[in-house]
């Protein structure tokens, strides 16, 4: 798959697989497949489609499907980029949520110290739902034009020391109900009307990861009257061990409405 979709030689692929020692490639190696210096050399010429796949694979691995290593990329993602005409047809947002939800579940285990997923999205949720001073509002932000997370200016800290982390945890522990925005989507959308797709209820999926999505249980966040929701989807199997590797939840894929 690497040979065909990234347009690399057998020697290049074997060398990278031997270095990575698994079904991953290094981000630095992947970047060299599409960065200007590489593609400008005649000896490194590759079809435009291969260069585009390398770039998209790098982008996805740095954002919505980031793993814990921070330096490697799963080549399983390449399957999603085989036909570039189909890339715009995928529900990337739903897949990103499924991936993040699964890793949020494993991150609740005491012995787990790292988390994977689209943490920029998670950070944006924190800024948007909690009245805390973790970030400065961006006065130049244009709603519905820029990504929501651009509404804040984050302090650039290269290292998060123990004292700072402890301070944030204590702030969260002391959080009062009045400091939480319970209905963040009341005035969201065009003329305050949320798109009907937002009220989907069922399961969302990324690869073999399936997670329940029960928006009908949080209708008050949209300013609606909360009715008695349907029962939760139950997993087919569930195991919660002492480490992330022992955390396993399997749902059957369901699409209700």
C-alpha atoms as a PDB file:
ATOM      1  CA  UNK A   1       0.000   0.000   0.000  1.00  0.00           C
ATOM      2  CA  UNK A   2       2.867   2.376   0.788  1.00  0.00           C
ATOM      3  CA  UNK A   3       4.505   1.591  -2.565  1.00  0.00           C
ATOM      4  CA  UNK A   4       1.329   2.191  -4.544  1.00  0.00           C
ATOM      5  CA  UNK A   5      -0.228   5.143  -2.739  1.00  0.00           C
ATOM      6  CA  UNK A   6       2.886   7.118  -1.809  1.00  0.00           C
ATOM      7  CA  UNK A   7       4.877   6.274  -4.919  1.00  0.00           C
ATOM      8  CA  UNK A   8       8.043   5.230  -3.096  1.00  0.00           C
ATOM      9  CA  UNK A   9      10.490   2.570  -4.195  1.00  0.00           C
ATOM     10  CA  UNK A  10      10.757  -0.874  -2.639  1.00  0.00           C
ATOM     11  CA  UNK A  11      14.100   0.053  -1.076  1.00  0.00           C
ATOM     12  CA  UNK A  12      12.662   3.240   0.467  1.00  0.00           C
ATOM     13  CA  UNK A  13       9.671   1.389   1.890  1.00  0.00           C
ATOM     14  CA  UNK A  14      11.736  -1.488   3.313  1.00  0.00           C
ATOM     15  CA  UNK A  15      14.199   0.900   4.920  1.00  0.00           C
ATOM     16  CA  UNK A  16      11.428   2.875   6.619  1.00  0.00           C
ATOM     17  CA  UNK A  17       9.586  -0.255   7.793  1.00  0.00           C
ATOM     18  CA  UNK A  18      12.808  -1.599   9.306  1.00  0.00           C
ATOM     19  CA  UNK A  19      13.345   1.670  11.167  1.00  0.00           C
ATOM     20  CA  UNK A  20       9.732   2.012  12.341  1.00  0.00           C
ATOM     21  CA  UNK A  21       9.409  -1.688  13.229  1.00  0.00           C
ATOM     22  CA  UNK A  22       5.656  -1.797  12.832  1.00  0.00           C
ATOM     23  CA  UNK A  23       2.682  -0.643  10.787  1.00  0.00           C
ATOM     24  CA  UNK A  24       3.759   2.982  11.075  1.00  0.00           C
ATOM     25  CA  UNK A  25       6.069   5.440   9.370  1.00  0.00           C
ATOM     26  CA  UNK A  26       7.924   8.374  10.871  1.00  0.00           C
ATOM     27  CA  UNK A  27       6.462  11.840  10.404  1.00  0.00           C
ATOM     28  CA  UNK A  28       9.849  13.200   9.358  1.00  0.00           C
ATOM     29  CA  UNK A  29      10.062  10.537   6.641  1.00  0.00           C
ATOM     30  CA  UNK A  30       6.513  11.225   5.514  1.00  0.00           C
ATOM     31  CA  UNK A  31       7.143  14.965   5.370  1.00  0.00           C
ATOM     32  CA  UNK A  32      10.059  14.382   3.028  1.00  0.00           C
ATOM     33  CA  UNK A  33       7.583  12.862   0.556  1.00  0.00           C
ATOM     34  CA  UNK A  34       5.816  16.185  -0.033  1.00  0.00           C
ATOM     35  CA  UNK A  35       7.949  19.060   1.287  1.00  0.00           C
ATOM     36  CA  UNK A  36       9.071  21.513  -1.456  1.00  0.00           C
ATOM     37  CA  UNK A  37      12.739  20.489  -1.335  1.00  0.00           C
ATOM     38  CA  UNK A  38      11.885  16.845  -1.989  1.00  0.00           C
ATOM     39  CA  UNK A  39       9.327  17.262  -4.752  1.00  0.00           C
ATOM     40  CA  UNK A  40      11.417  19.850  -6.606  1.00  0.00           C
ATOM     41  CA  UNK A  41      14.183  17.369  -7.357  1.00  0.00           C
ATOM     42  CA  UNK A  42      13.794  15.357 -10.578  1.00  0.00           C
ATOM     43  CA  UNK A  43      15.168  12.235  -8.870  1.00  0.00           C
ATOM     44  CA  UNK A  44      12.414  12.431  -6.266  1.00  0.00           C
ATOM     45  CA  UNK A  45       9.597  13.042  -8.746  1.00  0.00           C
ATOM     46  CA  UNK A  46       6.291  11.456  -7.795  1.00  0.00           C
ATOM     47  CA  UNK A  47       2.815  11.770  -9.260  1.00  0.00           C
ATOM     48  CA  UNK A  48       0.779  14.655  -7.869  1.00  0.00           C
ATOM     49  CA  UNK A  49      -1.686  12.202  -6.297  1.00  0.00           C
ATOM     50  CA  UNK A  50       1.087  10.531  -4.278  1.00  0.00           C
ATOM     51  CA  UNK A  51       2.362  13.878  -3.029  1.00  0.00           C
ATOM     52  CA  UNK A  52      -1.183  14.900  -2.071  1.00  0.00           C
ATOM     53  CA  UNK A  53      -1.706  11.653  -0.145  1.00  0.00           C
ATOM     54  CA  UNK A  54       1.551  12.125   1.751  1.00  0.00           C
ATOM     55  CA  UNK A  55       0.535  15.654   2.728  1.00  0.00           C
ATOM     56  CA  UNK A  56      -2.983  14.638   3.782  1.00  0.00           C
ATOM     57  CA  UNK A  57      -1.668  11.676   5.762  1.00  0.00           C
ATOM     58  CA  UNK A  58       0.763  13.974   7.573  1.00  0.00           C
ATOM     59  CA  UNK A  59      -2.001  16.515   8.240  1.00  0.00           C
ATOM     60  CA  UNK A  60      -4.438  13.933   9.617  1.00  0.00           C
ATOM     61  CA  UNK A  61      -1.793  12.397  11.877  1.00  0.00           C
ATOM     62  CA  UNK A  62      -0.927  15.816  13.328  1.00  0.00           C
ATOM     63  CA  UNK A  63      -4.517  16.851  13.986  1.00  0.00           C
ATOM     64  CA  UNK A  64      -7.666  14.726  14.114  1.00  0.00           C
ATOM     65  CA  UNK A  65      -5.957  11.330  14.471  1.00  0.00           C
ATOM     66  CA  UNK A  66      -2.857  12.223  16.481  1.00  0.00           C
ATOM     67  CA  UNK A  67      -1.403   9.315  18.453  1.00  0.00           C
ATOM     68  CA  UNK A  68       0.572   9.267  21.682  1.00  0.00           C
ATOM     69  CA  UNK A  69       3.995   8.986  20.063  1.00  0.00           C
ATOM     70  CA  UNK A  70       3.886  12.403  18.422  1.00  0.00           C
ATOM     71  CA  UNK A  71       6.376  11.188  15.832  1.00  0.00           C
ATOM     72  CA  UNK A  72       4.738   8.279  13.992  1.00  0.00           C
ATOM     73  CA  UNK A  73       1.841   7.765  11.593  1.00  0.00           C
ATOM     74  CA  UNK A  74      -0.320   4.669  11.176  1.00  0.00           C
ATOM     75  CA  UNK A  75      -0.286   3.548   7.556  1.00  0.00           C
ATOM     76  CA  UNK A  76      -3.838   2.249   8.053  1.00  0.00           C
ATOM     77  CA  UNK A  77      -4.952   5.827   7.350  1.00  0.00           C
ATOM     78  CA  UNK A  78      -3.638   5.476   3.809  1.00  0.00           C
ATOM     79  CA  UNK A  79      -6.619   3.293   2.949  1.00  0.00           C
ATOM     80  CA  UNK A  80      -8.867   6.324   3.416  1.00  0.00           C
ATOM     81  CA  UNK A  81      -6.790   8.297   0.929  1.00  0.00           C
ATOM     82  CA  UNK A  82      -6.627   5.714  -1.842  1.00  0.00           C
ATOM     83  CA  UNK A  83      -9.229   7.497  -3.969  1.00  0.00           C
ATOM     84  CA  UNK A  84      -8.737  11.232  -3.494  1.00  0.00           C
ATOM     85  CA  UNK A  85     -12.146  11.873  -5.055  1.00  0.00           C
ATOM     86  CA  UNK A  86     -13.755  10.189  -2.037  1.00  0.00           C
ATOM     87  CA  UNK A  87     -11.857  12.156   0.616  1.00  0.00           C
ATOM     88  CA  UNK A  88     -14.449  14.923   0.700  1.00  0.00           C
ATOM     89  CA  UNK A  89     -17.277  12.420   1.149  1.00  0.00           C
ATOM     90  CA  UNK A  90     -16.128  11.040   4.508  1.00  0.00           C
ATOM     91  CA  UNK A  91     -17.594  12.191   7.832  1.00  0.00           C
ATOM     92  CA  UNK A  92     -14.234  13.339   9.202  1.00  0.00           C
ATOM     93  CA  UNK A  93     -15.850  15.184  12.106  1.00  0.00           C
ATOM     94  CA  UNK A  94     -17.714  12.096  13.309  1.00  0.00           C
ATOM     95  CA  UNK A  95     -14.568   9.982  12.921  1.00  0.00           C
ATOM     96  CA  UNK A  96     -12.536  12.520  14.901  1.00  0.00           C
ATOM     97  CA  UNK A  97     -15.101  12.421  17.718  1.00  0.00           C
ATOM     98  CA  UNK A  98     -15.158   8.611  17.816  1.00  0.00           C
ATOM     99  CA  UNK A  99     -11.358   8.508  17.980  1.00  0.00           C
ATOM    100  CA  UNK A 100     -11.222  11.184  20.699  1.00  0.00           C
ATOM    101  CA  UNK A 101     -14.030   9.617  22.754  1.00  0.00           C
ATOM    102  CA  UNK A 102     -12.268   6.255  22.774  1.00  0.00           C
ATOM    103  CA  UNK A 103      -9.001   7.770  23.995  1.00  0.00           C
ATOM    104  CA  UNK A 104     -10.762   9.906  26.588  1.00  0.00           C
ATOM    105  CA  UNK A 105     -12.124   6.645  27.960  1.00  0.00           C
ATOM    106  CA  UNK A 106      -8.696   5.035  28.252  1.00  0.00           C
ATOM    107  CA  UNK A 107      -7.215   8.258  29.693  1.00  0.00           C
ATOM    108  CA  UNK A 108      -9.450   7.936  32.768  1.00  0.00           C
ATOM    109  CA  UNK A 109      -7.397   4.956  33.942  1.00  0.00           C
ATOM    110  CA  UNK A 110      -5.162   5.981  36.850  1.00  0.00           C
ATOM    111  CA  UNK A 111      -1.958   4.538  35.414  1.00  0.00           C
ATOM    112  CA  UNK A 112      -2.402   6.226  32.008  1.00  0.00           C
ATOM    113  CA  UNK A 113      -0.384   9.440  31.662  1.00  0.00           C
ATOM    114  CA  UNK A 114      -0.888  10.281  27.969  1.00  0.00           C
ATOM    115  CA  UNK A 115      -3.792  10.778  25.609  1.00  0.00           C
ATOM    116  CA  UNK A 116      -4.302  10.632  21.858  1.00  0.00           C
ATOM    117  CA  UNK A 117      -6.843  12.354  19.645  1.00  0.00           C
ATOM    118  CA  UNK A 118      -7.644  15.859  18.451  1.00  0.00           C
ATOM    119  CA  UNK A 119      -6.658  17.721  21.621  1.00  0.00           C
ATOM    120  CA  UNK A 120      -7.038  21.134  19.977  1.00  0.00           C
ATOM    121  CA  UNK A 121     -10.756  20.355  19.720  1.00  0.00           C
ATOM    122  CA  UNK A 122     -10.861  19.314  23.370  1.00  0.00           C
ATOM    123  CA  UNK A 123      -9.027  22.495  24.363  1.00  0.00           C
ATOM    124  CA  UNK A 124     -11.517  24.581  22.394  1.00  0.00           C
ATOM    125  CA  UNK A 125     -14.390  22.891  24.229  1.00  0.00           C
ATOM    126  CA  UNK A 126     -12.827  23.827  27.563  1.00  0.00           C
ATOM    127  CA  UNK A 127     -12.479  27.480  26.563  1.00  0.00           C
ATOM    128  CA  UNK A 128     -16.016  27.562  25.175  1.00  0.00           C
ATOM    129  CA  UNK A 129     -17.810  25.872  28.069  1.00  0.00           C
ATOM    130  CA  UNK A 130     -15.958  26.994  31.192  1.00  0.00           C
ATOM    131  CA  UNK A 131     -15.612  30.594  32.390  1.00  0.00           C
ATOM    132  CA  UNK A 132     -11.973  30.159  33.333  1.00  0.00           C
ATOM    133  CA  UNK A 133      -8.968  32.314  32.495  1.00  0.00           C
ATOM    134  CA  UNK A 134      -6.898  29.658  30.733  1.00  0.00           C
ATOM    135  CA  UNK A 135      -6.800  31.693  27.523  1.00  0.00           C
ATOM    136  CA  UNK A 136      -7.316  35.284  26.378  1.00  0.00           C
ATOM    137  CA  UNK A 137     -10.258  36.049  24.052  1.00  0.00           C
ATOM    138  CA  UNK A 138      -9.172  37.016  20.544  1.00  0.00           C
ATOM    139  CA  UNK A 139     -10.666  40.431  19.760  1.00  0.00           C
ATOM    140  CA  UNK A 140     -10.054  39.895  16.020  1.00  0.00           C
ATOM    141  CA  UNK A 141     -11.938  36.603  15.868  1.00  0.00           C
ATOM    142  CA  UNK A 142     -14.640  36.412  13.174  1.00  0.00           C
ATOM    143  CA  UNK A 143     -17.441  34.015  14.116  1.00  0.00           C
ATOM    144  CA  UNK A 144     -18.628  31.633  11.350  1.00  0.00           C
ATOM    145  CA  UNK A 145     -15.567  32.652   9.302  1.00  0.00           C
ATOM    146  CA  UNK A 146     -12.666  31.283  11.356  1.00  0.00           C
ATOM    147  CA  UNK A 147     -12.446  27.964  13.227  1.00  0.00           C
ATOM    148  CA  UNK A 148     -14.010  28.264  16.677  1.00  0.00           C
ATOM    149  CA  UNK A 149     -10.744  27.642  18.508  1.00  0.00           C
ATOM    150  CA  UNK A 150      -9.304  30.799  16.905  1.00  0.00           C
ATOM    151  CA  UNK A 151     -11.525  32.748  19.290  1.00  0.00           C
ATOM    152  CA  UNK A 152      -8.840  32.502  21.964  1.00  0.00           C
ATOM    153  CA  UNK A 153      -5.182  33.365  22.255  1.00  0.00           C
ATOM    154  CA  UNK A 154      -3.369  30.710  24.211  1.00  0.00           C
ATOM    155  CA  UNK A 155      -0.308  31.408  26.300  1.00  0.00           C
ATOM    156  CA  UNK A 156       2.714  29.739  24.737  1.00  0.00           C
ATOM    157  CA  UNK A 157       4.370  27.517  27.317  1.00  0.00           C
ATOM    158  CA  UNK A 158       7.048  25.083  26.225  1.00  0.00           C
ATOM    159  CA  UNK A 159       6.910  23.130  29.485  1.00  0.00           C
ATOM    160  CA  UNK A 160       3.963  22.500  31.775  1.00  0.00           C
ATOM    161  CA  UNK A 161       5.516  22.280  35.240  1.00  0.00           C
ATOM    162  CA  UNK A 162       3.993  20.402  38.152  1.00  0.00           C
ATOM    163  CA  UNK A 163       2.976  23.577  40.005  1.00  0.00           C
ATOM    164  CA  UNK A 164       1.096  24.951  36.993  1.00  0.00           C
ATOM    165  CA  UNK A 165      -0.666  21.633  36.418  1.00  0.00           C
ATOM    166  CA  UNK A 166      -1.617  21.448  40.090  1.00  0.00           C
ATOM    167  CA  UNK A 167      -3.019  24.971  39.947  1.00  0.00           C
ATOM    168  CA  UNK A 168      -5.222  24.099  36.958  1.00  0.00           C
ATOM    169  CA  UNK A 169      -6.504  20.974  38.694  1.00  0.00           C
ATOM    170  CA  UNK A 170      -7.386  22.914  41.850  1.00  0.00           C
ATOM    171  CA  UNK A 171      -9.207  25.521  39.756  1.00  0.00           C
ATOM    172  CA  UNK A 172     -11.281  22.798  38.104  1.00  0.00           C
ATOM    173  CA  UNK A 173     -12.001  21.165  41.471  1.00  0.00           C
ATOM    174  CA  UNK A 174     -13.329  24.484  42.819  1.00  0.00           C
ATOM    175  CA  UNK A 175     -15.487  25.134  39.771  1.00  0.00           C
ATOM    176  CA  UNK A 176     -18.977  26.378  40.667  1.00  0.00           C
ATOM    177  CA  UNK A 177     -22.157  25.764  38.638  1.00  0.00           C
ATOM    178  CA  UNK A 178     -22.310  29.462  37.718  1.00  0.00           C
ATOM    179  CA  UNK A 179     -18.889  29.154  36.060  1.00  0.00           C
ATOM    180  CA  UNK A 180     -20.109  26.552  33.568  1.00  0.00           C
ATOM    181  CA  UNK A 181     -21.947  27.458  30.361  1.00  0.00           C
ATOM    182  CA  UNK A 182     -24.728  24.876  30.385  1.00  0.00           C
ATOM    183  CA  UNK A 183     -26.454  25.913  27.152  1.00  0.00           C
ATOM    184  CA  UNK A 184     -23.560  26.797  24.797  1.00  0.00           C
ATOM    185  CA  UNK A 185     -25.528  26.146  21.607  1.00  0.00           C
ATOM    186  CA  UNK A 186     -28.673  28.196  22.286  1.00  0.00           C
ATOM    187  CA  UNK A 187     -27.684  30.919  19.826  1.00  0.00           C
ATOM    188  CA  UNK A 188     -25.453  28.790  17.635  1.00  0.00           C
ATOM    189  CA  UNK A 189     -25.977  28.348  13.919  1.00  0.00           C
ATOM    190  CA  UNK A 190     -27.733  30.538  11.372  1.00  0.00           C
ATOM    191  CA  UNK A 191     -30.300  32.730  13.164  1.00  0.00           C
ATOM    192  CA  UNK A 192     -29.887  30.550  16.228  1.00  0.00           C
ATOM    193  CA  UNK A 193     -31.123  27.438  14.395  1.00  0.00           C
ATOM    194  CA  UNK A 194     -28.883  24.376  14.665  1.00  0.00           C
ATOM    195  CA  UNK A 195     -28.650  22.122  11.602  1.00  0.00           C
ATOM    196  CA  UNK A 196     -30.822  19.026  11.890  1.00  0.00           C
ATOM    197  CA  UNK A 197     -27.728  16.824  11.425  1.00  0.00           C
ATOM    198  CA  UNK A 198     -26.571  17.932  14.874  1.00  0.00           C
ATOM    199  CA  UNK A 199     -29.424  15.957  16.423  1.00  0.00           C
ATOM    200  CA  UNK A 200     -28.298  12.612  15.021  1.00  0.00           C
ATOM    201  CA  UNK A 201     -28.530   9.759  17.508  1.00  0.00           C
ATOM    202  CA  UNK A 202     -26.769   6.449  17.063  1.00  0.00           C
ATOM    203  CA  UNK A 203     -23.131   5.469  16.865  1.00  0.00           C
ATOM    204  CA  UNK A 204     -20.152   7.131  15.217  1.00  0.00           C
ATOM    205  CA  UNK A 205     -17.207   5.270  13.777  1.00  0.00           C
ATOM    206  CA  UNK A 206     -13.504   5.496  12.956  1.00  0.00           C
ATOM    207  CA  UNK A 207     -11.902   2.369  11.485  1.00  0.00           C
ATOM    208  CA  UNK A 208     -12.752  -0.362  14.013  1.00  0.00           C
ATOM    209  CA  UNK A 209     -13.615   2.144  16.753  1.00  0.00           C
ATOM    210  CA  UNK A 210     -17.366   2.541  17.322  1.00  0.00           C
ATOM    211  CA  UNK A 211     -18.678   4.947  19.972  1.00  0.00           C
ATOM    212  CA  UNK A 212     -22.241   5.813  21.047  1.00  0.00           C
ATOM    213  CA  UNK A 213     -23.524   9.313  20.313  1.00  0.00           C
ATOM    214  CA  UNK A 214     -26.587  10.250  22.395  1.00  0.00           C
ATOM    215  CA  UNK A 215     -27.316  13.905  21.763  1.00  0.00           C
ATOM    216  CA  UNK A 216     -30.937  13.462  22.830  1.00  0.00           C
ATOM    217  CA  UNK A 217     -29.620  13.230  26.403  1.00  0.00           C
ATOM    218  CA  UNK A 218     -28.261  16.809  26.399  1.00  0.00           C
ATOM    219  CA  UNK A 219     -31.063  18.762  24.711  1.00  0.00           C
ATOM    220  CA  UNK A 220     -30.828  21.576  27.255  1.00  0.00           C
ATOM    221  CA  UNK A 221     -27.447  22.525  25.812  1.00  0.00           C
ATOM    222  CA  UNK A 222     -29.409  23.579  22.705  1.00  0.00           C
ATOM    223  CA  UNK A 223     -32.079  25.406  24.678  1.00  0.00           C
ATOM    224  CA  UNK A 224     -34.621  22.597  24.213  1.00  0.00           C
ATOM    225  CA  UNK A 225     -36.812  20.974  26.827  1.00  0.00           C
ATOM    226  CA  UNK A 226     -35.230  17.740  28.003  1.00  0.00           C
ATOM    227  CA  UNK A 227     -37.464  14.725  27.496  1.00  0.00           C
ATOM    228  CA  UNK A 228     -36.914  11.227  28.855  1.00  0.00           C
ATOM    229  CA  UNK A 229     -34.255   9.759  26.541  1.00  0.00           C
ATOM    230  CA  UNK A 230     -34.127   6.266  25.145  1.00  0.00           C
ATOM    231  CA  UNK A 231     -31.905   3.727  26.937  1.00  0.00           C
ATOM    232  CA  UNK A 232     -28.168   3.909  26.287  1.00  0.00           C
ATOM    233  CA  UNK A 233     -26.540   1.638  23.760  1.00  0.00           C
ATOM    234  CA  UNK A 234     -24.773  -1.122  25.613  1.00  0.00           C
ATOM    235  CA  UNK A 235     -21.376  -2.406  24.442  1.00  0.00           C
ATOM    236  CA  UNK A 236     -21.111  -5.938  23.140  1.00  0.00           C
ATOM    237  CA  UNK A 237     -17.917  -6.345  25.171  1.00  0.00           C
ATOM    238  CA  UNK A 238     -16.181  -4.154  27.730  1.00  0.00           C
ATOM    239  CA  UNK A 239     -12.889  -4.654  29.540  1.00  0.00           C
ATOM    240  CA  UNK A 240     -11.165  -2.090  31.732  1.00  0.00           C
ATOM    241  CA  UNK A 241      -7.691  -3.152  32.832  1.00  0.00           C
ATOM    242  CA  UNK A 242      -4.896  -1.255  34.617  1.00  0.00           C
ATOM    243  CA  UNK A 243      -3.422   0.172  31.392  1.00  0.00           C
ATOM    244  CA  UNK A 244      -4.571   1.658  28.078  1.00  0.00           C
ATOM    245  CA  UNK A 245      -3.689  -1.597  26.307  1.00  0.00           C
ATOM    246  CA  UNK A 246      -6.131  -3.436  28.560  1.00  0.00           C
ATOM    247  CA  UNK A 247      -8.961  -0.990  27.847  1.00  0.00           C
ATOM    248  CA  UNK A 248     -11.348  -2.486  25.314  1.00  0.00           C
ATOM    249  CA  UNK A 249     -14.904  -1.516  24.410  1.00  0.00           C
ATOM    250  CA  UNK A 250     -16.777  -2.963  21.441  1.00  0.00           C
ATOM    251  CA  UNK A 251     -20.073  -1.602  20.168  1.00  0.00           C
ATOM    252  CA  UNK A 252     -22.186  -2.839  17.304  1.00  0.00           C
ATOM    253  CA  UNK A 253     -22.512  -0.153  14.625  1.00  0.00           C
ATOM    254  CA  UNK A 254     -26.008   1.354  14.729  1.00  0.00           C
ATOM    255  CA  UNK A 255     -27.494   4.244  12.797  1.00  0.00           C
ATOM    256  CA  UNK A 256     -30.922   5.208  14.031  1.00  0.00           C
ATOM    257  CA  UNK A 257     -31.715   8.749  12.919  1.00  0.00           C
END
